[in-house]
Amino acid sequence: MAQASCENVIWNIIYEVCWKKYRRRRCALERYQELLSAMMKVEFSNHDISVADEETEADSRNRNSENSN
């Protein structure tokens, strides 16, 4: 009986250690994915801003050329 109890304790410890490692890795992976997603959103919003700036500059040039005619 004592041996079975000892084996259960050992398996419980192994389970807890493995579960904690799994949770840490999973948590780290989730944080990495969140960071990557945030970086992608920033990149896309920066791209949208630069495209909008280019369109605004082009509109200004078009207006200036129309006014000079």
PDB file of N, CA and C in Angstrom:
ATOM      1  N   MET A   1       0.821  -1.193   0.000  1.00  0.00           N
ATOM      2  CA  MET A   1       0.000   0.000   0.000  1.00  0.00           C
ATOM      3  C   MET A   1       0.865   1.256   0.000  1.00  0.00           C
ATOM      4  N   ALA A   2       1.940   1.235   0.759  1.00  0.00           N
ATOM      5  CA  ALA A   2       2.819   2.402   0.834  1.00  0.00           C
ATOM      6  C   ALA A   2       3.471   2.656  -0.518  1.00  0.00           C
ATOM      7  N   GLN A   3       3.814   1.567  -1.228  1.00  0.00           N
ATOM      8  CA  GLN A   3       4.439   1.720  -2.546  1.00  0.00           C
ATOM      9  C   GLN A   3       3.453   2.352  -3.530  1.00  0.00           C
ATOM     10  N   ALA A   4       2.207   1.929  -3.506  1.00  0.00           N
ATOM     11  CA  ALA A   4       1.193   2.504  -4.392  1.00  0.00           C
ATOM     12  C   ALA A   4       0.994   3.978  -4.077  1.00  0.00           C
ATOM     13  N   SER A   5       0.993   4.316  -2.811  1.00  0.00           N
ATOM     14  CA  SER A   5       0.835   5.709  -2.410  1.00  0.00           C
ATOM     15  C   SER A   5       2.016   6.542  -2.894  1.00  0.00           C
ATOM     16  N   CYS A   6       3.207   5.986  -2.769  1.00  0.00           N
ATOM     17  CA  CYS A   6       4.416   6.676  -3.226  1.00  0.00           C
ATOM     18  C   CYS A   6       4.378   6.873  -4.739  1.00  0.00           C
ATOM     19  N   GLU A   7       3.945   5.854  -5.465  1.00  0.00           N
ATOM     20  CA  GLU A   7       3.841   5.968  -6.922  1.00  0.00           C
ATOM     21  C   GLU A   7       2.820   7.039  -7.309  1.00  0.00           C
ATOM     22  N   ASN A   8       1.709   7.090  -6.592  1.00  0.00           N
ATOM     23  CA  ASN A   8       0.707   8.121  -6.871  1.00  0.00           C
ATOM     24  C   ASN A   8       1.277   9.515  -6.654  1.00  0.00           C
ATOM     25  N   VAL A   9       2.041   9.673  -5.586  1.00  0.00           N
ATOM     26  CA  VAL A   9       2.656  10.970  -5.301  1.00  0.00           C
ATOM     27  C   VAL A   9       3.616  11.336  -6.423  1.00  0.00           C
ATOM     28  N   ILE A  10       4.419  10.384  -6.842  1.00  0.00           N
ATOM     29  CA  ILE A  10       5.384  10.641  -7.921  1.00  0.00           C
ATOM     30  C   ILE A  10       4.652  11.021  -9.202  1.00  0.00           C
ATOM     31  N   TRP A  11       3.608  10.262  -9.556  1.00  0.00           N
ATOM     32  CA  TRP A  11       2.857  10.578 -10.775  1.00  0.00           C
ATOM     33  C   TRP A  11       2.162  11.934 -10.676  1.00  0.00           C
ATOM     34  N   ASN A  12       1.659  12.258  -9.491  1.00  0.00           N
ATOM     35  CA  ASN A  12       1.038  13.573  -9.299  1.00  0.00           C
ATOM     36  C   ASN A  12       2.051  14.691  -9.484  1.00  0.00           C
ATOM     37  N   ILE A  13       3.259  14.490  -8.965  1.00  0.00           N
ATOM     38  CA  ILE A  13       4.312  15.501  -9.128  1.00  0.00           C
ATOM     39  C   ILE A  13       4.681  15.638 -10.597  1.00  0.00           C
ATOM     40  N   ILE A  14       4.859  14.498 -11.268  1.00  0.00           N
ATOM     41  CA  ILE A  14       5.190  14.535 -12.701  1.00  0.00           C
ATOM     42  C   ILE A  14       4.084  15.250 -13.468  1.00  0.00           C
ATOM     43  N   TYR A  15       2.839  14.927 -13.149  1.00  0.00           N
ATOM     44  CA  TYR A  15       1.695  15.557 -13.818  1.00  0.00           C
ATOM     45  C   TYR A  15       1.704  17.068 -13.587  1.00  0.00           C
ATOM     46  N   GLU A  16       1.901  17.481 -12.341  1.00  0.00           N
ATOM     47  CA  GLU A  16       1.902  18.907 -12.025  1.00  0.00           C
ATOM     48  C   GLU A  16       3.030  19.638 -12.745  1.00  0.00           C
ATOM     49  N   VAL A  17       4.218  19.056 -12.758  1.00  0.00           N
ATOM     50  CA  VAL A  17       5.359  19.687 -13.425  1.00  0.00           C
ATOM     51  C   VAL A  17       5.085  19.808 -14.919  1.00  0.00           C
ATOM     52  N   CYS A  18       4.615  18.731 -15.521  1.00  0.00           N
ATOM     53  CA  CYS A  18       4.332  18.764 -16.958  1.00  0.00           C
ATOM     54  C   CYS A  18       3.204  19.736 -17.268  1.00  0.00           C
ATOM     55  N   TRP A  19       2.175  19.753 -16.444  1.00  0.00           N
ATOM     56  CA  TRP A  19       1.048  20.658 -16.670  1.00  0.00           C
ATOM     57  C   TRP A  19       1.503  22.108 -16.567  1.00  0.00           C
ATOM     58  N   LYS A  20       2.327  22.405 -15.570  1.00  0.00           N
ATOM     59  CA  LYS A  20       2.822  23.777 -15.413  1.00  0.00           C
ATOM     60  C   LYS A  20       3.675  24.181 -16.605  1.00  0.00           C
ATOM     61  N   LYS A  21       4.526  23.270 -17.077  1.00  0.00           N
ATOM     62  CA  LYS A  21       5.344  23.579 -18.259  1.00  0.00           C
ATOM     63  C   LYS A  21       4.451  23.805 -19.470  1.00  0.00           C
ATOM     64  N   TYR A  22       3.452  22.958 -19.619  1.00  0.00           N
ATOM     65  CA  TYR A  22       2.524  23.097 -20.743  1.00  0.00           C
ATOM     66  C   TYR A  22       1.808  24.437 -20.675  1.00  0.00           C
ATOM     67  N   ARG A  23       1.323  24.795 -19.495  1.00  0.00           N
ATOM     68  CA  ARG A  23       0.598  26.058 -19.332  1.00  0.00           C
ATOM     69  C   ARG A  23       1.515  27.244 -19.613  1.00  0.00           C
ATOM     70  N   ARG A  24       2.759  27.185 -19.140  1.00  0.00           N
ATOM     71  CA  ARG A  24       3.695  28.286 -19.382  1.00  0.00           C
ATOM     72  C   ARG A  24       3.964  28.429 -20.867  1.00  0.00           C
ATOM     73  N   ARG A  25       4.191  27.311 -21.541  1.00  0.00           N
ATOM     74  CA  ARG A  25       4.446  27.366 -22.989  1.00  0.00           C
ATOM     75  C   ARG A  25       3.224  27.878 -23.731  1.00  0.00           C
ATOM     76  N   ARG A  26       2.074  27.386 -23.332  1.00  0.00           N
ATOM     77  CA  ARG A  26       0.838  27.817 -23.988  1.00  0.00           C
ATOM     78  C   ARG A  26       0.623  29.304 -23.742  1.00  0.00           C
ATOM     79  N   CYS A  27       0.866  29.734 -22.525  1.00  0.00           N
ATOM     80  CA  CYS A  27       0.710  31.144 -22.180  1.00  0.00           C
ATOM     81  C   CYS A  27       1.700  31.977 -22.990  1.00  0.00           C
ATOM     82  N   ALA A  28       2.933  31.511 -23.079  1.00  0.00           N
ATOM     83  CA  ALA A  28       3.944  32.237 -23.852  1.00  0.00           C
ATOM     84  C   ALA A  28       3.547  32.298 -25.321  1.00  0.00           C
ATOM     85  N   LEU A  29       3.025  31.213 -25.848  1.00  0.00           N
ATOM     86  CA  LEU A  29       2.590  31.192 -27.243  1.00  0.00           C
ATOM     87  C   LEU A  29       1.430  32.162 -27.462  1.00  0.00           C
ATOM     88  N   GLU A  30       0.491  32.184 -26.523  1.00  0.00           N
ATOM     89  CA  GLU A  30      -0.633  33.119 -26.637  1.00  0.00           C
ATOM     90  C   GLU A  30      -0.140  34.557 -26.606  1.00  0.00           C
ATOM     91  N   ARG A  31       0.816  34.870 -25.717  1.00  0.00           N
ATOM     92  CA  ARG A  31       1.369  36.228 -25.640  1.00  0.00           C
ATOM     93  C   ARG A  31       2.095  36.581 -26.932  1.00  0.00           C
ATOM     94  N   TYR A  32       2.837  35.613 -27.487  1.00  0.00           N
ATOM     95  CA  TYR A  32       3.544  35.844 -28.745  1.00  0.00           C
ATOM     96  C   TYR A  32       2.548  36.141 -29.863  1.00  0.00           C
ATOM     97  N   GLN A  33       1.473  35.365 -29.917  1.00  0.00           N
ATOM     98  CA  GLN A  33       0.464  35.573 -30.956  1.00  0.00           C
ATOM     99  C   GLN A  33      -0.227  36.926 -30.789  1.00  0.00           C
ATOM    100  N   GLU A  34      -0.495  37.328 -29.541  1.00  0.00           N
ATOM    101  CA  GLU A  34      -1.103  38.639 -29.300  1.00  0.00           C
ATOM    102  C   GLU A  34      -0.166  39.754 -29.745  1.00  0.00           C
ATOM    103  N   LEU A  35       1.121  39.604 -29.422  1.00  0.00           N
ATOM    104  CA  LEU A  35       2.106  40.608 -29.816  1.00  0.00           C
ATOM    105  C   LEU A  35       2.213  40.688 -31.331  1.00  0.00           C
ATOM    106  N   LEU A  36       2.267  39.542 -31.979  1.00  0.00           N
ATOM    107  CA  LEU A  36       2.350  39.505 -33.436  1.00  0.00           C
ATOM    108  C   LEU A  36       1.117  40.153 -34.063  1.00  0.00           C
ATOM    109  N   SER A  37      -0.045  39.854 -33.519  1.00  0.00           N
ATOM    110  CA  SER A  37      -1.284  40.441 -34.023  1.00  0.00           C
ATOM    111  C   SER A  37      -1.269  41.956 -33.854  1.00  0.00           C
ATOM    112  N   ALA A  38      -0.816  42.422 -32.697  1.00  0.00           N
ATOM    113  CA  ALA A  38      -0.750  43.866 -32.454  1.00  0.00           C
ATOM    114  C   ALA A  38       0.229  44.530 -33.418  1.00  0.00           C
ATOM    115  N   MET A  39       1.359  43.876 -33.659  1.00  0.00           N
ATOM    116  CA  MET A  39       2.348  44.433 -34.585  1.00  0.00           C
ATOM    117  C   MET A  39       1.782  44.497 -35.997  1.00  0.00           C
ATOM    118  N   MET A  40       1.034  43.472 -36.388  1.00  0.00           N
ATOM    119  CA  MET A  40       0.430  43.470 -37.718  1.00  0.00           C
ATOM    120  C   MET A  40      -0.589  44.601 -37.840  1.00  0.00           C
ATOM    121  N   LYS A  41      -1.392  44.817 -36.793  1.00  0.00           N
ATOM    122  CA  LYS A  41      -2.377  45.897 -36.820  1.00  0.00           C
ATOM    123  C   LYS A  41      -1.693  47.244 -36.953  1.00  0.00           C
ATOM    124  N   VAL A  42      -0.602  47.435 -36.217  1.00  0.00           N
ATOM    125  CA  VAL A  42       0.136  48.696 -36.296  1.00  0.00           C
ATOM    126  C   VAL A  42       0.698  48.871 -37.695  1.00  0.00           C
ATOM    127  N   GLU A  43       1.254  47.810 -38.252  1.00  0.00           N
ATOM    128  CA  GLU A  43       1.830  47.884 -39.602  1.00  0.00           C
ATOM    129  C   GLU A  43       0.754  48.256 -40.616  1.00  0.00           C
ATOM    130  N   PHE A  44      -0.422  47.621 -40.510  1.00  0.00           N
ATOM    131  CA  PHE A  44      -1.503  47.934 -41.446  1.00  0.00           C
ATOM    132  C   PHE A  44      -2.007  49.358 -41.253  1.00  0.00           C
ATOM    133  N   SER A  45      -2.125  49.801 -39.996  1.00  0.00           N
ATOM    134  CA  SER A  45      -2.614  51.163 -39.769  1.00  0.00           C
ATOM    135  C   SER A  45      -1.584  52.174 -40.260  1.00  0.00           C
ATOM    136  N   ASN A  46      -0.292  51.887 -40.093  1.00  0.00           N
ATOM    137  CA  ASN A  46       0.743  52.774 -40.627  1.00  0.00           C
ATOM    138  C   ASN A  46       0.661  52.827 -42.144  1.00  0.00           C
ATOM    139  N   HIS A  47       0.403  51.685 -42.756  1.00  0.00           N
ATOM    140  CA  HIS A  47       0.268  51.634 -44.212  1.00  0.00           C
ATOM    141  C   HIS A  47      -0.946  52.457 -44.649  1.00  0.00           C
ATOM    142  N   ASP A  48      -2.051  52.303 -43.934  1.00  0.00           N
ATOM    143  CA  ASP A  48      -3.260  53.073 -44.259  1.00  0.00           C
ATOM    144  C   ASP A  48      -3.003  54.568 -44.131  1.00  0.00           C
ATOM    145  N   ILE A  49      -2.266  54.966 -43.095  1.00  0.00           N
ATOM    146  CA  ILE A  49      -1.955  56.384 -42.894  1.00  0.00           C
ATOM    147  C   ILE A  49      -1.088  56.899 -44.028  1.00  0.00           C
ATOM    148  N   SER A  50      -0.073  56.116 -44.412  1.00  0.00           N
ATOM    149  CA  SER A  50       0.812  56.573 -45.484  1.00  0.00           C
ATOM    150  C   SER A  50       0.061  56.645 -46.812  1.00  0.00           C
ATOM    151  N   VAL A  51      -0.841  55.718 -47.061  1.00  0.00           N
ATOM    152  CA  VAL A  51      -1.645  55.757 -48.289  1.00  0.00           C
ATOM    153  C   VAL A  51      -2.554  56.980 -48.258  1.00  0.00           C
ATOM    154  N   ALA A  52      -3.165  57.243 -47.106  1.00  0.00           N
ATOM    155  CA  ALA A  52      -4.040  58.413 -46.982  1.00  0.00           C
ATOM    156  C   ALA A  52      -3.241  59.697 -47.183  1.00  0.00           C
ATOM    157  N   ASP A  53      -2.020  59.754 -46.638  1.00  0.00           N
ATOM    158  CA  ASP A  53      -1.167  60.931 -46.825  1.00  0.00           C
ATOM    159  C   ASP A  53      -0.831  61.129 -48.293  1.00  0.00           C
ATOM    160  N   GLU A  54      -0.515  60.030 -48.973  1.00  0.00           N
ATOM    161  CA  GLU A  54      -0.189  60.123 -50.400  1.00  0.00           C
ATOM    162  C   GLU A  54      -1.402  60.611 -51.193  1.00  0.00           C
ATOM    163  N   GLU A  55      -2.588  60.104 -50.845  1.00  0.00           N
ATOM    164  CA  GLU A  55      -3.803  60.533 -51.546  1.00  0.00           C
ATOM    165  C   GLU A  55      -4.076  62.014 -51.281  1.00  0.00           C
ATOM    166  N   THR A  56      -3.860  62.458 -50.058  1.00  0.00           N
ATOM    167  CA  THR A  56      -4.071  63.866 -49.711  1.00  0.00           C
ATOM    168  C   THR A  56      -3.101  64.751 -50.480  1.00  0.00           C
ATOM    169  N   GLU A  57      -1.843  64.319 -50.551  1.00  0.00           N
ATOM    170  CA  GLU A  57      -0.855  65.093 -51.306  1.00  0.00           C
ATOM    171  C   GLU A  57      -1.226  65.143 -52.785  1.00  0.00           C
ATOM    172  N   ALA A  58      -1.677  64.035 -53.329  1.00  0.00           N
ATOM    173  CA  ALA A  58      -2.070  63.996 -54.739  1.00  0.00           C
ATOM    174  C   ALA A  58      -3.277  64.899 -54.969  1.00  0.00           C
ATOM    175  N   ASP A  59      -4.239  64.878 -54.052  1.00  0.00           N
ATOM    176  CA  ASP A  59      -5.406  65.764 -54.169  1.00  0.00           C
ATOM    177  C   ASP A  59      -4.981  67.224 -54.121  1.00  0.00           C
ATOM    178  N   SER A  60      -4.047  67.554 -53.244  1.00  0.00           N
ATOM    179  CA  SER A  60      -3.559  68.936 -53.142  1.00  0.00           C
ATOM    180  C   SER A  60      -2.897  69.364 -54.440  1.00  0.00           C
ATOM    181  N   ARG A  61      -2.082  68.481 -54.987  1.00  0.00           N
ATOM    182  CA  ARG A  61      -1.410  68.813 -56.254  1.00  0.00           C
ATOM    183  C   ARG A  61      -2.428  69.008 -57.370  1.00  0.00           C
ATOM    184  N   ASN A  62      -3.450  68.152 -57.395  1.00  0.00           N
ATOM    185  CA  ASN A  62      -4.486  68.280 -58.427  1.00  0.00           C
ATOM    186  C   ASN A  62      -5.239  69.596 -58.280  1.00  0.00           C
ATOM    187  N   ARG A  63      -5.569  69.962 -57.055  1.00  0.00           N
ATOM    188  CA  ARG A  63      -6.263  71.230 -56.825  1.00  0.00           C
ATOM    189  C   ARG A  63      -5.383  72.409 -57.227  1.00  0.00           C
ATOM    190  N   ASN A  64      -4.102  72.332 -56.884  1.00  0.00           N
ATOM    191  CA  ASN A  64      -3.181  73.416 -57.230  1.00  0.00           C
ATOM    192  C   ASN A  64      -3.051  73.560 -58.741  1.00  0.00           C
ATOM    193  N   SER A  65      -2.992  72.434 -59.438  1.00  0.00           N
ATOM    194  CA  SER A  65      -2.860  72.506 -60.896  1.00  0.00           C
ATOM    195  C   SER A  65      -4.159  73.016 -61.532  1.00  0.00           C
ATOM    196  N   GLU A  66      -5.314  72.665 -60.941  1.00  0.00           N
ATOM    197  CA  GLU A  66      -6.592  73.165 -61.455  1.00  0.00           C
ATOM    198  C   GLU A  66      -6.724  74.669 -61.212  1.00  0.00           C
ATOM    199  N   ASN A  67      -6.263  75.122 -60.068  1.00  0.00           N
ATOM    200  CA  ASN A  67      -6.350  76.544 -59.737  1.00  0.00           C
ATOM    201  C   ASN A  67      -5.417  77.387 -60.599  1.00  0.00           C
ATOM    202  N   SER A  68      -4.302  76.831 -61.007  1.00  0.00           N
ATOM    203  CA  SER A  68      -3.348  77.587 -61.821  1.00  0.00           C
ATOM    204  C   SER A  68      -3.813  77.707 -63.267  1.00  0.00           C
ATOM    205  N   ASN A  69      -4.722  76.822 -63.679  1.00  0.00           N
ATOM    206  CA  ASN A  69      -5.229  76.873 -65.063  1.00  0.00           C
ATOM    207  C   ASN A  69      -6.258  77.894 -65.163  1.00  0.00           C
TER     208      ASN A  69
END
